[in-house]
C-alpha cells in the first residue's frame, strides 16, 4: 500500500504582498482625488433641491460647454485675467461704471431697500467698480468677491461657495448670474450669507442671449423665484445695466 504524504504549500512571505497593497491603495486614493477635482466642494443648500425641478424648465438652460468644473473656472479666468480688458476696466471704463452703479444703488436707497448701515457684498465684482460705487453712496462696509482678487475692494472667492459665514450681509448685489454653472448653488450661497430680512438684487438679461462666457441662459424671472425658495420676491424692474435689462429684488424671509 502506497502511502501519500501531505505536503504543505509554503506561504508566500508578506513582503511580496505589501508592495501590491500599497500600490493599490495609492491608485485608489489618486483616483478619488482626480474625481473630486472635477467637481467643486460646496456646502449643501436648500436651493439644491430646487435644481431638480428646474432641470426641466425651458426658462433656465444650463450650457453644457464644459468637460469639468476646472475647465469652467479656466474659461472664466480667461476673461478676468485678460490684460487688455483689465486695463480698460481700471482706466477709461472705471468712472463710467462707478457712476452708473452709483445710480442703481442710490435708487435702492430711495426705495429703502438699503441704507448706509447695510453691510454689502458684490458678487463677481471683477476689479471692484460696484464696490467703489457702494462706498461712494455711503455703504462703507462693502466688499466684492471674484476668482481674481483686487485688494482692498475685491477678495478672492468662488460664488458657488462664498468664503463667508452664515448671515453675514444685509445686502448682496450681482450682475453675473448668467456666469453661474450651478445656479442653485449660486443662489443658495446668497441665501446662506444674507441676514434674515436682508436684500438681494440681481441684474439679468431676459430678452437676449448672454455672452460667450456665460454658463446659463435665463428667459424669465420664474426660475429665480423658484431658486430663491427662502426669500420673497419684492420687485421686478427694467434697467439698462451694461447689456442687462431686468432688475430682480428679493428679501430673505425672517423665520
Protein backbone atom coordinates (compact mmCIF):
# COMPACT_ATOMS: atom_id res chain seq x y z
CA UNK A 1 0.00 0.00 0.00
CA UNK A 2 1.47 3.21 -1.16
CA UNK A 3 1.47 5.99 1.33
CA UNK A 4 0.99 9.57 0.29
CA UNK A 5 2.42 12.25 2.44
CA UNK A 6 0.62 15.54 2.73
CA UNK A 7 2.83 18.29 1.53
CA UNK A 8 2.32 21.75 2.83
CA UNK A 9 2.33 24.57 0.30
CA UNK A 10 4.68 27.13 1.73
CA UNK A 11 3.10 30.50 2.49
CA UNK A 12 4.41 33.36 0.49
CA UNK A 13 6.12 35.90 2.64
CA UNK A 14 4.17 39.08 3.42
CA UNK A 15 6.92 41.11 1.86
CA UNK A 16 5.54 40.09 -1.57
CA UNK A 17 2.03 41.38 -0.80
CA UNK A 18 2.93 44.66 0.86
CA UNK A 19 4.08 46.50 -2.27
CA UNK A 20 0.94 45.34 -4.10
CA UNK A 21 -1.39 46.55 -1.31
CA UNK A 22 0.41 49.89 -1.04
CA UNK A 23 0.24 50.38 -4.81
CA UNK A 24 -3.45 49.53 -4.86
CA UNK A 25 -4.22 51.98 -2.06
CA UNK A 26 -2.20 54.70 -3.77
CA UNK A 27 -4.07 54.10 -7.02
CA UNK A 28 -7.49 54.27 -5.32
CA UNK A 29 -6.61 57.47 -3.44
CA UNK A 30 -5.30 59.08 -6.63
CA UNK A 31 -8.48 58.09 -8.47
CA UNK A 32 -10.69 59.60 -5.76
CA UNK A 33 -8.68 62.82 -5.73
CA UNK A 34 -8.93 63.09 -9.50
CA UNK A 35 -12.70 62.61 -9.47
CA UNK A 36 -13.08 65.13 -6.65
CA UNK A 37 -11.03 67.70 -8.55
CA UNK A 38 -13.56 67.66 -11.37
CA UNK A 39 -16.30 68.99 -9.12
CA UNK A 40 -16.32 71.91 -6.67
CA UNK A 41 -16.64 71.14 -2.97
CA UNK A 42 -19.64 73.10 -1.77
CA UNK A 43 -21.97 73.27 1.16
CA UNK A 44 -25.35 71.62 0.79
CA UNK A 45 -28.06 74.22 0.29
CA UNK A 46 -31.82 74.05 0.24
CA UNK A 47 -31.70 75.57 -3.24
CA UNK A 48 -30.01 72.38 -4.46
CA UNK A 49 -33.31 70.57 -4.29
CA UNK A 50 -34.93 73.24 -6.45
CA UNK A 51 -32.42 72.34 -9.16
CA UNK A 52 -34.14 69.00 -9.67
CA UNK A 53 -37.33 70.82 -10.57
CA UNK A 54 -35.53 73.45 -12.62
CA UNK A 55 -33.66 70.89 -14.70
CA UNK A 56 -36.75 70.52 -16.89
CA UNK A 57 -37.50 74.23 -17.08
CA UNK A 58 -37.14 75.79 -20.52
CA UNK A 59 -36.69 79.22 -18.92
CA UNK A 60 -33.28 78.38 -17.42
CA UNK A 61 -30.92 76.45 -19.64
CA UNK A 62 -27.51 75.32 -18.47
CA UNK A 63 -24.87 75.36 -21.16
CA UNK A 64 -23.01 72.06 -21.48
CA UNK A 65 -19.81 73.57 -22.82
CA UNK A 66 -17.53 72.36 -20.05
CA UNK A 67 -15.94 68.94 -19.57
CA UNK A 68 -15.22 69.62 -15.89
CA UNK A 69 -15.50 72.28 -13.24
CA UNK A 70 -11.84 73.12 -13.77
CA UNK A 71 -12.46 73.83 -17.45
CA UNK A 72 -15.33 76.14 -16.45
CA UNK A 73 -13.11 78.02 -13.97
CA UNK A 74 -10.30 78.32 -16.50
CA UNK A 75 -12.67 79.83 -19.06
CA UNK A 76 -13.89 82.40 -16.54
CA UNK A 77 -10.29 83.24 -15.62
CA UNK A 78 -9.50 83.64 -19.30
CA UNK A 79 -11.77 86.70 -19.34
CA UNK A 80 -11.00 88.05 -15.88
CA UNK A 81 -7.22 87.88 -16.36
CA UNK A 82 -7.25 89.31 -19.89
CA UNK A 83 -4.72 92.17 -19.62
CA UNK A 84 -6.44 94.34 -22.24
CA UNK A 85 -9.82 94.03 -20.52
CA UNK A 86 -8.34 94.68 -17.07
CA UNK A 87 -6.66 97.82 -18.36
CA UNK A 88 -9.96 99.05 -19.79
CA UNK A 89 -11.87 98.18 -16.60
CA UNK A 90 -9.40 100.07 -14.39
CA UNK A 91 -8.92 103.16 -16.61
CA UNK A 92 -11.36 104.59 -19.14
CA UNK A 93 -14.19 102.26 -18.07
CA UNK A 94 -13.81 102.89 -14.34
CA UNK A 95 -15.51 106.28 -13.91
CA UNK A 96 -18.40 105.42 -16.22
CA UNK A 97 -19.21 102.17 -14.44
CA UNK A 98 -18.85 103.64 -10.95
CA UNK A 99 -21.23 106.43 -11.97
CA UNK A 100 -23.86 104.04 -13.40
CA UNK A 101 -23.67 101.63 -10.46
CA UNK A 102 -23.94 104.56 -8.05
CA UNK A 103 -27.20 105.48 -9.74
CA UNK A 104 -28.53 101.96 -9.25
CA UNK A 105 -27.60 101.93 -5.57
CA UNK A 106 -28.96 105.43 -4.94
CA UNK A 107 -32.26 104.18 -6.35
CA UNK A 108 -32.22 101.27 -3.88
CA UNK A 109 -31.60 103.72 -1.03
CA UNK A 110 -34.57 105.85 -2.12
CA UNK A 111 -36.71 102.71 -2.07
CA UNK A 112 -35.40 101.97 1.45
CA UNK A 113 -34.00 98.63 0.41
CA UNK A 114 -30.51 99.53 1.63
CA UNK A 115 -29.03 102.17 3.91
CA UNK A 116 -25.62 103.49 4.93
CA UNK A 117 -25.62 100.92 7.74
CA UNK A 118 -26.00 97.98 5.35
CA UNK A 119 -23.10 95.53 5.19
CA UNK A 120 -22.85 94.83 1.45
CA UNK A 121 -21.37 92.24 -0.90
CA UNK A 122 -20.87 92.49 -4.64
CA UNK A 123 -20.72 89.04 -6.25
CA UNK A 124 -18.48 88.67 -9.30
CA UNK A 125 -17.06 92.14 -8.74
CA UNK A 126 -14.05 91.82 -11.06
CA UNK A 127 -11.92 94.92 -10.43
CA UNK A 128 -14.37 96.47 -7.96
CA UNK A 129 -16.43 99.17 -9.72
CA UNK A 130 -19.59 98.07 -7.90
CA UNK A 131 -17.82 98.14 -4.53
CA UNK A 132 -16.44 101.62 -5.22
CA UNK A 133 -19.97 102.72 -6.12
CA UNK A 134 -21.43 101.25 -2.92
CA UNK A 135 -18.87 103.13 -0.84
CA UNK A 136 -19.49 106.30 -2.83
CA UNK A 137 -23.21 106.29 -1.97
CA UNK A 138 -22.49 105.73 1.72
CA UNK A 139 -22.24 101.95 2.26
CA UNK A 140 -18.71 101.97 3.66
CA UNK A 141 -18.85 98.37 4.89
CA UNK A 142 -18.77 96.85 1.40
CA UNK A 143 -16.63 94.24 -0.30
CA UNK A 144 -16.61 92.23 -3.52
CA UNK A 145 -15.65 88.67 -4.39
CA UNK A 146 -14.20 87.32 -7.61
CA UNK A 147 -11.96 84.49 -8.72
CA UNK A 148 -9.16 87.03 -9.02
CA UNK A 149 -8.79 89.36 -6.00
CA UNK A 150 -8.09 93.09 -6.29
CA UNK A 151 -7.43 94.40 -2.79
CA UNK A 152 -8.76 96.25 -0.99
CA UNK A 153 -12.10 96.25 -2.85
CA UNK A 154 -12.27 92.64 -4.04
CA UNK A 155 -11.29 89.45 -2.19
CA UNK A 156 -10.80 86.03 -3.73
CA UNK A 157 -13.89 83.84 -3.76
CA UNK A 158 -15.98 81.43 -5.82
CA UNK A 159 -19.62 82.50 -5.86
CA UNK A 160 -20.63 78.82 -5.86
CA UNK A 161 -19.10 78.58 -2.36
CA UNK A 162 -18.79 82.00 -0.77
CA UNK A 163 -15.92 82.37 1.75
CA UNK A 164 -18.17 83.97 4.38
CA UNK A 165 -20.06 82.87 7.48
CA UNK A 166 -23.82 82.39 7.57
CA UNK A 167 -25.93 85.55 7.85
CA UNK A 168 -23.07 87.98 7.24
CA UNK A 169 -24.57 90.57 4.88
CA UNK A 170 -27.56 92.91 4.80
CA UNK A 171 -27.32 93.38 1.04
CA UNK A 172 -25.93 91.37 -1.87
CA UNK A 173 -25.73 92.50 -5.48
CA UNK A 174 -24.72 90.67 -8.64
CA UNK A 175 -24.90 91.10 -12.39
CA UNK A 176 -23.19 87.80 -13.19
CA UNK A 177 -25.96 85.27 -12.58
CA UNK A 178 -25.52 84.12 -16.18
CA UNK A 179 -21.95 83.07 -15.33
CA UNK A 180 -23.12 80.55 -12.72
CA UNK A 181 -22.60 76.97 -13.86
CA UNK A 182 -24.70 75.81 -10.88
CA UNK A 183 -27.38 78.49 -10.43
CA UNK A 184 -28.90 76.66 -7.43
CA UNK A 185 -25.57 76.87 -5.60
CA UNK A 186 -25.10 80.50 -6.61
CA UNK A 187 -28.50 81.37 -5.11
CA UNK A 188 -28.10 79.00 -2.16
CA UNK A 189 -24.92 80.77 -1.11
CA UNK A 190 -26.63 84.16 -1.31
CA UNK A 191 -29.46 82.97 0.92
CA UNK A 192 -26.97 81.38 3.32
CA UNK A 193 -24.85 84.50 3.77
CA UNK A 194 -27.72 87.01 3.82
CA UNK A 195 -29.10 88.01 7.19
CA UNK A 196 -32.82 87.36 7.74
CA UNK A 197 -34.58 90.33 6.21
CA UNK A 198 -31.57 91.04 4.00
CA UNK A 199 -31.98 92.12 0.39
CA UNK A 200 -30.52 90.62 -2.78
CA UNK A 201 -30.60 92.43 -6.12
CA UNK A 202 -29.76 90.69 -9.38
CA UNK A 203 -29.35 92.32 -12.78
CA UNK A 204 -30.07 89.76 -15.50
CA UNK A 205 -30.72 89.58 -19.23
CA UNK A 206 -34.10 88.16 -20.23
CA UNK A 207 -34.56 89.48 -23.74
CA UNK A 208 -31.30 88.33 -25.28
CA UNK A 209 -28.76 85.51 -25.17
CA UNK A 210 -25.90 86.20 -22.74
CA UNK A 211 -22.25 86.44 -23.82
CA UNK A 212 -19.87 83.64 -24.75
CA UNK A 213 -18.51 83.36 -21.19
CA UNK A 214 -21.96 82.69 -19.76
CA UNK A 215 -22.80 79.28 -18.32
CA UNK A 216 -26.59 79.58 -18.43
CA UNK A 217 -29.35 81.38 -20.28
CA UNK A 218 -32.36 82.84 -18.46
CA UNK A 219 -35.64 83.56 -20.23
CA UNK A 220 -37.98 84.61 -17.41
CA UNK A 221 -37.98 85.51 -13.72
CA UNK A 222 -39.79 82.29 -12.79
CA UNK A 223 -36.65 80.15 -12.29
CA UNK A 224 -35.20 82.82 -9.98
CA UNK A 225 -38.36 82.81 -7.86
CA UNK A 226 -38.13 79.02 -7.57
CA UNK A 227 -34.43 79.13 -6.67
CA UNK A 228 -34.90 81.85 -4.04
CA UNK A 229 -37.11 79.49 -2.05
CA UNK A 230 -36.16 81.13 1.25
CA UNK A 231 -36.92 84.65 0.08
CA UNK A 232 -39.80 86.79 -1.09
CA UNK A 233 -39.87 88.46 -4.49
CA UNK A 234 -40.20 92.21 -3.89
CA UNK A 235 -39.77 93.89 -7.26
CA UNK A 236 -39.04 93.30 -10.92
CA UNK A 237 -37.91 96.41 -12.80
CA UNK A 238 -36.50 97.33 -16.19
CA UNK A 239 -32.91 98.60 -16.14
CA UNK A 240 -30.16 99.43 -18.60
CA UNK A 241 -27.17 97.82 -16.97
CA UNK A 242 -24.35 97.15 -19.41
CA UNK A 243 -26.38 94.81 -21.58
CA UNK A 244 -28.60 93.55 -18.76
CA UNK A 245 -32.25 94.59 -18.89
CA UNK A 246 -34.01 93.39 -15.74
CA UNK A 247 -33.56 94.10 -12.02
CA UNK A 248 -34.95 91.45 -9.67
CA UNK A 249 -35.19 92.18 -5.93
CA UNK A 250 -35.59 89.56 -3.19
CA UNK A 251 -35.79 89.79 0.58
CA UNK A 252 -34.72 86.84 2.71
CA UNK A 253 -37.53 85.59 4.92
CA UNK A 254 -37.40 86.08 8.65
CA UNK A 255 -38.04 82.78 10.38
